[in-house]
Amino acid sequence: MNYEYEMSYALPDSVEGLLQRGRGLGAVRALRAPRESAAFVYDGIRRDWLWDQSDERSVYLARLVCDLDLSPMPVVNMLAGDEEACLRACGVLELLALAGSVEAKDGLRAYVRKGEHWVRVLERM
C-alpha cells in the first residue's frame, strides 16, 4: 500500500488547519503572518482539501493570494500538474486575472497555447 499521497488535516486551531478547512479565521491569521502563511496558501491550491462537490475554494484562495501579496507564479506552475490540479490552479488564476494580475493573465494565455489540458482551461475561462 502506498501512503505517499495520504493527506491529513493539520490541527484545527492552527493557521494551516484553518486554511485547509477554508475558514475565515485562517485568512485573518494568515494576514498577521503573510510570509509564514504563503506555503499553506499555495498548498491549499495544490491539494484538494474540499469536503464535497458543493465546497468551492477558488474565491477564498485567490483572495488570500491578493491580500497576502503573494506571487501568482507558483500557481501558474501548478497548471502543469494533472487535470484536477490544473483546474484548481486555473480557477484561482482566472480570478486573479480578473482582479488585474498580469502574471496570472500571461500564465493562463501561455498555458492555453501549449498546455496539455488547454481545452478544459479555455472552457473554464
N, C-alpha and C. Protein backbone atom coordinates (compact mmCIF):
# COMPACT_ATOMS: atom_id res chain seq x y z
N MET A 1 0.84 -1.17 0.00
CA MET A 1 0.00 0.00 0.00
C MET A 1 0.89 1.24 0.00
N ASN A 2 0.54 2.23 -0.82
CA ASN A 2 1.35 3.44 -0.96
C ASN A 2 0.69 4.59 -0.22
N TYR A 3 1.39 5.13 0.78
CA TYR A 3 0.85 6.24 1.57
C TYR A 3 1.50 7.57 1.19
N GLU A 4 2.18 7.59 0.06
CA GLU A 4 2.90 8.79 -0.37
C GLU A 4 1.97 9.99 -0.50
N TYR A 5 0.76 9.78 -0.97
CA TYR A 5 -0.15 10.89 -1.22
C TYR A 5 -1.23 11.02 -0.16
N GLU A 6 -1.07 10.29 0.92
CA GLU A 6 -2.05 10.38 2.00
C GLU A 6 -2.01 11.77 2.61
N MET A 7 -3.17 12.34 2.81
CA MET A 7 -3.26 13.69 3.36
C MET A 7 -3.96 13.62 4.71
N SER A 8 -3.50 14.42 5.63
CA SER A 8 -4.21 14.56 6.89
C SER A 8 -4.24 16.04 7.23
N TYR A 9 -5.33 16.45 7.84
CA TYR A 9 -5.50 17.84 8.20
C TYR A 9 -4.60 18.22 9.36
N ALA A 10 -4.12 19.43 9.34
CA ALA A 10 -3.36 19.98 10.46
C ALA A 10 -4.35 20.28 11.59
N LEU A 11 -3.84 20.62 12.74
CA LEU A 11 -4.70 20.93 13.88
C LEU A 11 -5.70 22.01 13.51
N PRO A 12 -6.95 21.87 13.94
CA PRO A 12 -8.00 22.79 13.51
C PRO A 12 -7.83 24.22 14.01
N ASP A 13 -7.01 24.45 15.03
CA ASP A 13 -6.82 25.82 15.52
C ASP A 13 -5.52 26.45 15.01
N SER A 14 -4.78 25.73 14.14
CA SER A 14 -3.56 26.28 13.56
C SER A 14 -3.91 27.02 12.27
N VAL A 15 -3.04 27.93 11.84
CA VAL A 15 -3.27 28.65 10.59
C VAL A 15 -3.40 27.66 9.44
N GLU A 16 -2.49 26.70 9.40
CA GLU A 16 -2.54 25.70 8.33
C GLU A 16 -3.86 24.95 8.34
N GLY A 17 -4.29 24.49 9.49
CA GLY A 17 -5.54 23.74 9.60
C GLY A 17 -6.75 24.58 9.24
N LEU A 18 -6.75 25.83 9.66
CA LEU A 18 -7.87 26.72 9.33
C LEU A 18 -7.93 26.99 7.82
N LEU A 19 -6.77 27.18 7.19
CA LEU A 19 -6.74 27.40 5.75
C LEU A 19 -7.16 26.14 4.99
N GLN A 20 -6.75 24.98 5.47
CA GLN A 20 -7.15 23.73 4.82
C GLN A 20 -8.66 23.56 4.84
N ARG A 21 -9.28 24.04 5.90
CA ARG A 21 -10.73 23.90 6.06
C ARG A 21 -11.51 25.05 5.44
N GLY A 22 -10.79 26.07 4.91
CA GLY A 22 -11.46 27.19 4.27
C GLY A 22 -12.12 28.14 5.25
N ARG A 23 -11.60 28.23 6.45
CA ARG A 23 -12.20 29.05 7.49
C ARG A 23 -11.76 30.50 7.38
N GLY A 24 -12.65 31.42 7.66
CA GLY A 24 -12.34 32.84 7.64
C GLY A 24 -11.28 33.23 8.65
N LEU A 25 -11.29 32.57 9.80
CA LEU A 25 -10.29 32.85 10.82
C LEU A 25 -8.89 32.52 10.30
N GLY A 26 -8.77 31.55 9.42
CA GLY A 26 -7.48 31.23 8.81
C GLY A 26 -6.97 32.40 7.99
N ALA A 27 -7.87 33.05 7.24
CA ALA A 27 -7.48 34.21 6.45
C ALA A 27 -7.03 35.36 7.35
N VAL A 28 -7.74 35.56 8.44
CA VAL A 28 -7.39 36.63 9.39
C VAL A 28 -6.01 36.37 9.99
N ARG A 29 -5.77 35.15 10.41
CA ARG A 29 -4.47 34.82 10.99
C ARG A 29 -3.36 34.84 9.95
N ALA A 30 -3.66 34.46 8.73
CA ALA A 30 -2.66 34.49 7.67
C ALA A 30 -2.23 35.93 7.39
N LEU A 31 -3.15 36.86 7.48
CA LEU A 31 -2.81 38.27 7.26
C LEU A 31 -1.85 38.79 8.32
N ARG A 32 -1.88 38.21 9.49
CA ARG A 32 -0.97 38.62 10.56
C ARG A 32 0.46 38.13 10.31
N ALA A 33 0.60 37.05 9.56
CA ALA A 33 1.92 36.47 9.27
C ALA A 33 1.96 35.99 7.83
N PRO A 34 1.96 36.94 6.87
CA PRO A 34 1.86 36.54 5.47
C PRO A 34 3.01 35.67 4.96
N ARG A 35 4.21 35.95 5.37
CA ARG A 35 5.35 35.16 4.87
C ARG A 35 5.27 33.72 5.35
N GLU A 36 4.90 33.53 6.59
CA GLU A 36 4.80 32.18 7.16
C GLU A 36 3.60 31.42 6.59
N SER A 37 2.58 32.14 6.16
CA SER A 37 1.35 31.51 5.68
C SER A 37 1.37 31.20 4.19
N ALA A 38 2.31 31.77 3.45
CA ALA A 38 2.33 31.60 1.99
C ALA A 38 2.34 30.13 1.58
N ALA A 39 3.17 29.34 2.22
CA ALA A 39 3.25 27.91 1.86
C ALA A 39 1.92 27.21 2.07
N PHE A 40 1.20 27.59 3.12
CA PHE A 40 -0.10 26.97 3.39
C PHE A 40 -1.14 27.35 2.33
N VAL A 41 -1.07 28.61 1.86
CA VAL A 41 -1.99 29.06 0.81
C VAL A 41 -1.71 28.30 -0.48
N TYR A 42 -0.43 28.24 -0.87
CA TYR A 42 -0.10 27.50 -2.09
C TYR A 42 -0.46 26.03 -1.97
N ASP A 43 -0.27 25.45 -0.79
CA ASP A 43 -0.64 24.05 -0.58
C ASP A 43 -2.15 23.87 -0.70
N GLY A 44 -2.91 24.86 -0.27
CA GLY A 44 -4.36 24.80 -0.39
C GLY A 44 -4.83 24.80 -1.83
N ILE A 45 -4.04 25.41 -2.70
CA ILE A 45 -4.36 25.39 -4.13
C ILE A 45 -3.88 24.08 -4.76
N ARG A 46 -2.70 23.64 -4.37
CA ARG A 46 -2.10 22.44 -4.96
C ARG A 46 -2.86 21.17 -4.61
N ARG A 47 -3.33 21.06 -3.36
CA ARG A 47 -4.02 19.85 -2.91
C ARG A 47 -5.52 20.07 -2.86
N ASP A 48 -6.25 19.00 -2.98
CA ASP A 48 -7.71 19.09 -2.95
C ASP A 48 -8.20 18.85 -1.52
N TRP A 49 -8.43 19.93 -0.79
CA TRP A 49 -8.91 19.82 0.59
C TRP A 49 -10.43 19.94 0.68
N LEU A 50 -11.12 19.95 -0.44
CA LEU A 50 -12.57 20.17 -0.44
C LEU A 50 -13.31 19.02 0.23
N TRP A 51 -14.38 19.37 0.89
CA TRP A 51 -15.19 18.37 1.59
C TRP A 51 -16.05 17.58 0.61
N ASP A 52 -16.67 18.26 -0.33
CA ASP A 52 -17.53 17.61 -1.31
C ASP A 52 -17.67 18.52 -2.52
N GLN A 53 -18.52 18.17 -3.45
CA GLN A 53 -18.69 18.93 -4.69
C GLN A 53 -19.26 20.33 -4.47
N SER A 54 -19.95 20.55 -3.35
CA SER A 54 -20.53 21.86 -3.09
C SER A 54 -19.53 22.84 -2.48
N ASP A 55 -18.39 22.34 -2.07
CA ASP A 55 -17.35 23.16 -1.45
C ASP A 55 -16.51 23.80 -2.55
N GLU A 56 -16.48 25.11 -2.62
CA GLU A 56 -15.73 25.84 -3.64
C GLU A 56 -14.77 26.80 -2.95
N ARG A 57 -13.48 26.69 -3.28
CA ARG A 57 -12.48 27.49 -2.58
C ARG A 57 -11.74 28.49 -3.46
N SER A 58 -12.04 28.55 -4.73
CA SER A 58 -11.27 29.41 -5.63
C SER A 58 -11.27 30.87 -5.18
N VAL A 59 -12.42 31.39 -4.82
CA VAL A 59 -12.50 32.79 -4.39
C VAL A 59 -11.71 33.00 -3.10
N TYR A 60 -11.88 32.11 -2.17
CA TYR A 60 -11.17 32.17 -0.89
C TYR A 60 -9.66 32.19 -1.11
N LEU A 61 -9.17 31.27 -1.95
CA LEU A 61 -7.73 31.15 -2.19
C LEU A 61 -7.19 32.31 -3.02
N ALA A 62 -7.94 32.74 -4.03
CA ALA A 62 -7.50 33.88 -4.84
C ALA A 62 -7.43 35.14 -3.98
N ARG A 63 -8.39 35.30 -3.12
CA ARG A 63 -8.38 36.47 -2.23
C ARG A 63 -7.17 36.43 -1.29
N LEU A 64 -6.84 35.25 -0.80
CA LEU A 64 -5.65 35.12 0.05
C LEU A 64 -4.38 35.49 -0.72
N VAL A 65 -4.27 35.03 -1.96
CA VAL A 65 -3.10 35.37 -2.77
C VAL A 65 -3.01 36.89 -2.92
N CYS A 66 -4.13 37.54 -3.19
CA CYS A 66 -4.14 39.01 -3.33
C CYS A 66 -3.85 39.70 -2.00
N ASP A 67 -4.58 39.32 -0.97
CA ASP A 67 -4.46 40.00 0.32
C ASP A 67 -3.08 39.84 0.95
N LEU A 68 -2.45 38.68 0.73
CA LEU A 68 -1.12 38.44 1.29
C LEU A 68 -0.01 38.92 0.34
N ASP A 69 -0.43 39.48 -0.79
CA ASP A 69 0.51 39.99 -1.80
C ASP A 69 1.49 38.90 -2.23
N LEU A 70 0.95 37.71 -2.50
CA LEU A 70 1.76 36.58 -2.93
C LEU A 70 1.89 36.58 -4.45
N SER A 71 2.96 36.04 -4.94
CA SER A 71 3.16 35.92 -6.37
C SER A 71 2.25 34.84 -6.94
N PRO A 72 1.61 35.09 -8.07
CA PRO A 72 0.80 34.04 -8.69
C PRO A 72 1.63 33.02 -9.47
N MET A 73 2.93 33.25 -9.60
CA MET A 73 3.76 32.34 -10.40
C MET A 73 3.77 30.90 -9.88
N PRO A 74 3.82 30.64 -8.57
CA PRO A 74 3.71 29.24 -8.14
C PRO A 74 2.38 28.60 -8.56
N VAL A 75 1.33 29.41 -8.63
CA VAL A 75 0.03 28.89 -9.06
C VAL A 75 0.07 28.62 -10.57
N VAL A 76 0.70 29.51 -11.32
CA VAL A 76 0.87 29.29 -12.77
C VAL A 76 1.62 27.98 -13.00
N ASN A 77 2.64 27.72 -12.21
CA ASN A 77 3.41 26.48 -12.35
C ASN A 77 2.57 25.24 -12.05
N MET A 78 1.52 25.40 -11.24
CA MET A 78 0.65 24.27 -10.91
C MET A 78 -0.21 23.84 -12.10
N LEU A 79 -0.32 24.69 -13.10
CA LEU A 79 -1.09 24.32 -14.30
C LEU A 79 -0.49 23.08 -14.97
N ALA A 80 0.78 22.84 -14.76
CA ALA A 80 1.46 21.70 -15.40
C ALA A 80 1.16 20.37 -14.71
N GLY A 81 0.38 20.38 -13.64
CA GLY A 81 0.06 19.15 -12.92
C GLY A 81 -0.99 18.33 -13.65
N ASP A 82 -1.56 17.34 -12.94
CA ASP A 82 -2.62 16.54 -13.55
C ASP A 82 -3.85 17.42 -13.79
N GLU A 83 -4.86 16.86 -14.41
CA GLU A 83 -6.02 17.66 -14.82
C GLU A 83 -6.71 18.33 -13.64
N GLU A 84 -6.90 17.61 -12.55
CA GLU A 84 -7.57 18.19 -11.39
C GLU A 84 -6.77 19.35 -10.81
N ALA A 85 -5.47 19.16 -10.64
CA ALA A 85 -4.61 20.22 -10.11
C ALA A 85 -4.60 21.41 -11.05
N CYS A 86 -4.57 21.13 -12.33
CA CYS A 86 -4.58 22.19 -13.33
C CYS A 86 -5.85 23.02 -13.22
N LEU A 87 -6.99 22.37 -13.08
CA LEU A 87 -8.25 23.10 -13.00
C LEU A 87 -8.40 23.87 -11.69
N ARG A 88 -7.83 23.34 -10.58
CA ARG A 88 -7.83 24.10 -9.32
C ARG A 88 -7.01 25.37 -9.48
N ALA A 89 -5.84 25.23 -10.08
CA ALA A 89 -4.97 26.40 -10.30
C ALA A 89 -5.65 27.37 -11.26
N CYS A 90 -6.28 26.86 -12.28
CA CYS A 90 -6.97 27.70 -13.26
C CYS A 90 -8.06 28.54 -12.59
N GLY A 91 -8.83 27.93 -11.69
CA GLY A 91 -9.89 28.66 -11.00
C GLY A 91 -9.36 29.85 -10.22
N VAL A 92 -8.23 29.66 -9.57
CA VAL A 92 -7.62 30.75 -8.80
C VAL A 92 -7.03 31.79 -9.75
N LEU A 93 -6.32 31.34 -10.77
CA LEU A 93 -5.69 32.27 -11.71
C LEU A 93 -6.71 33.10 -12.48
N GLU A 94 -7.81 32.47 -12.80
CA GLU A 94 -8.88 33.17 -13.51
C GLU A 94 -9.35 34.37 -12.69
N LEU A 95 -9.55 34.17 -11.40
CA LEU A 95 -9.99 35.26 -10.53
C LEU A 95 -8.90 36.31 -10.34
N LEU A 96 -7.66 35.86 -10.23
CA LEU A 96 -6.55 36.81 -10.11
C LEU A 96 -6.43 37.66 -11.38
N ALA A 97 -6.61 37.02 -12.54
CA ALA A 97 -6.56 37.76 -13.80
C ALA A 97 -7.67 38.81 -13.86
N LEU A 98 -8.86 38.42 -13.43
CA LEU A 98 -9.97 39.37 -13.41
C LEU A 98 -9.71 40.53 -12.44
N ALA A 99 -8.92 40.26 -11.41
CA ALA A 99 -8.57 41.29 -10.44
C ALA A 99 -7.41 42.16 -10.93
N GLY A 100 -6.87 41.84 -12.11
CA GLY A 100 -5.84 42.68 -12.70
C GLY A 100 -4.43 42.13 -12.68
N SER A 101 -4.24 40.89 -12.28
CA SER A 101 -2.89 40.32 -12.25
C SER A 101 -2.41 40.00 -13.66
N VAL A 102 -1.39 40.71 -14.09
CA VAL A 102 -0.81 40.49 -15.41
C VAL A 102 -0.13 39.12 -15.47
N GLU A 103 0.53 38.72 -14.37
CA GLU A 103 1.20 37.41 -14.33
C GLU A 103 0.19 36.28 -14.51
N ALA A 104 -0.97 36.40 -13.86
CA ALA A 104 -2.00 35.37 -13.98
C ALA A 104 -2.53 35.31 -15.41
N LYS A 105 -2.79 36.48 -16.01
CA LYS A 105 -3.28 36.52 -17.40
C LYS A 105 -2.27 35.89 -18.35
N ASP A 106 -1.03 36.31 -18.21
CA ASP A 106 0.01 35.78 -19.10
C ASP A 106 0.20 34.28 -18.91
N GLY A 107 0.14 33.83 -17.66
CA GLY A 107 0.29 32.40 -17.38
C GLY A 107 -0.82 31.58 -18.00
N LEU A 108 -2.06 32.06 -17.90
CA LEU A 108 -3.19 31.35 -18.50
C LEU A 108 -3.08 31.35 -20.02
N ARG A 109 -2.73 32.48 -20.59
CA ARG A 109 -2.59 32.56 -22.05
C ARG A 109 -1.51 31.59 -22.54
N ALA A 110 -0.39 31.57 -21.87
CA ALA A 110 0.70 30.68 -22.26
C ALA A 110 0.27 29.22 -22.15
N TYR A 111 -0.48 28.91 -21.09
CA TYR A 111 -0.91 27.52 -20.91
C TYR A 111 -1.88 27.11 -22.01
N VAL A 112 -2.79 28.00 -22.39
CA VAL A 112 -3.75 27.67 -23.44
C VAL A 112 -3.03 27.40 -24.76
N ARG A 113 -1.92 28.08 -24.99
CA ARG A 113 -1.16 27.86 -26.23
C ARG A 113 -0.42 26.53 -26.24
N LYS A 114 0.08 26.07 -25.06
CA LYS A 114 0.97 24.91 -25.06
C LYS A 114 0.63 23.83 -24.04
N GLY A 115 -0.32 24.04 -23.19
CA GLY A 115 -0.59 23.10 -22.10
C GLY A 115 -1.34 21.86 -22.52
N GLU A 116 -1.18 20.81 -21.74
CA GLU A 116 -1.82 19.52 -22.03
C GLU A 116 -3.34 19.58 -21.91
N HIS A 117 -3.85 20.29 -20.92
CA HIS A 117 -5.29 20.36 -20.66
C HIS A 117 -5.85 21.71 -21.11
N TRP A 118 -5.32 22.24 -22.18
CA TRP A 118 -5.66 23.58 -22.62
C TRP A 118 -7.13 23.75 -22.93
N VAL A 119 -7.78 22.72 -23.44
CA VAL A 119 -9.20 22.82 -23.79
C VAL A 119 -10.03 23.04 -22.53
N ARG A 120 -9.76 22.26 -21.49
CA ARG A 120 -10.51 22.41 -20.24
C ARG A 120 -10.27 23.79 -19.61
N VAL A 121 -9.04 24.28 -19.69
CA VAL A 121 -8.72 25.59 -19.15
C VAL A 121 -9.45 26.66 -19.95
N LEU A 122 -9.44 26.56 -21.26
CA LEU A 122 -10.12 27.53 -22.11
C LEU A 122 -11.62 27.50 -21.84
N GLU A 123 -12.20 26.32 -21.68
CA GLU A 123 -13.62 26.21 -21.38
C GLU A 123 -13.95 26.87 -20.04
N ARG A 124 -13.08 26.69 -19.10
CA ARG A 124 -13.33 27.26 -17.76
C ARG A 124 -13.26 28.78 -17.80
N MET A 125 -12.31 29.29 -18.59
CA MET A 125 -12.16 30.75 -18.67
C MET A 125 -13.32 31.35 -19.41
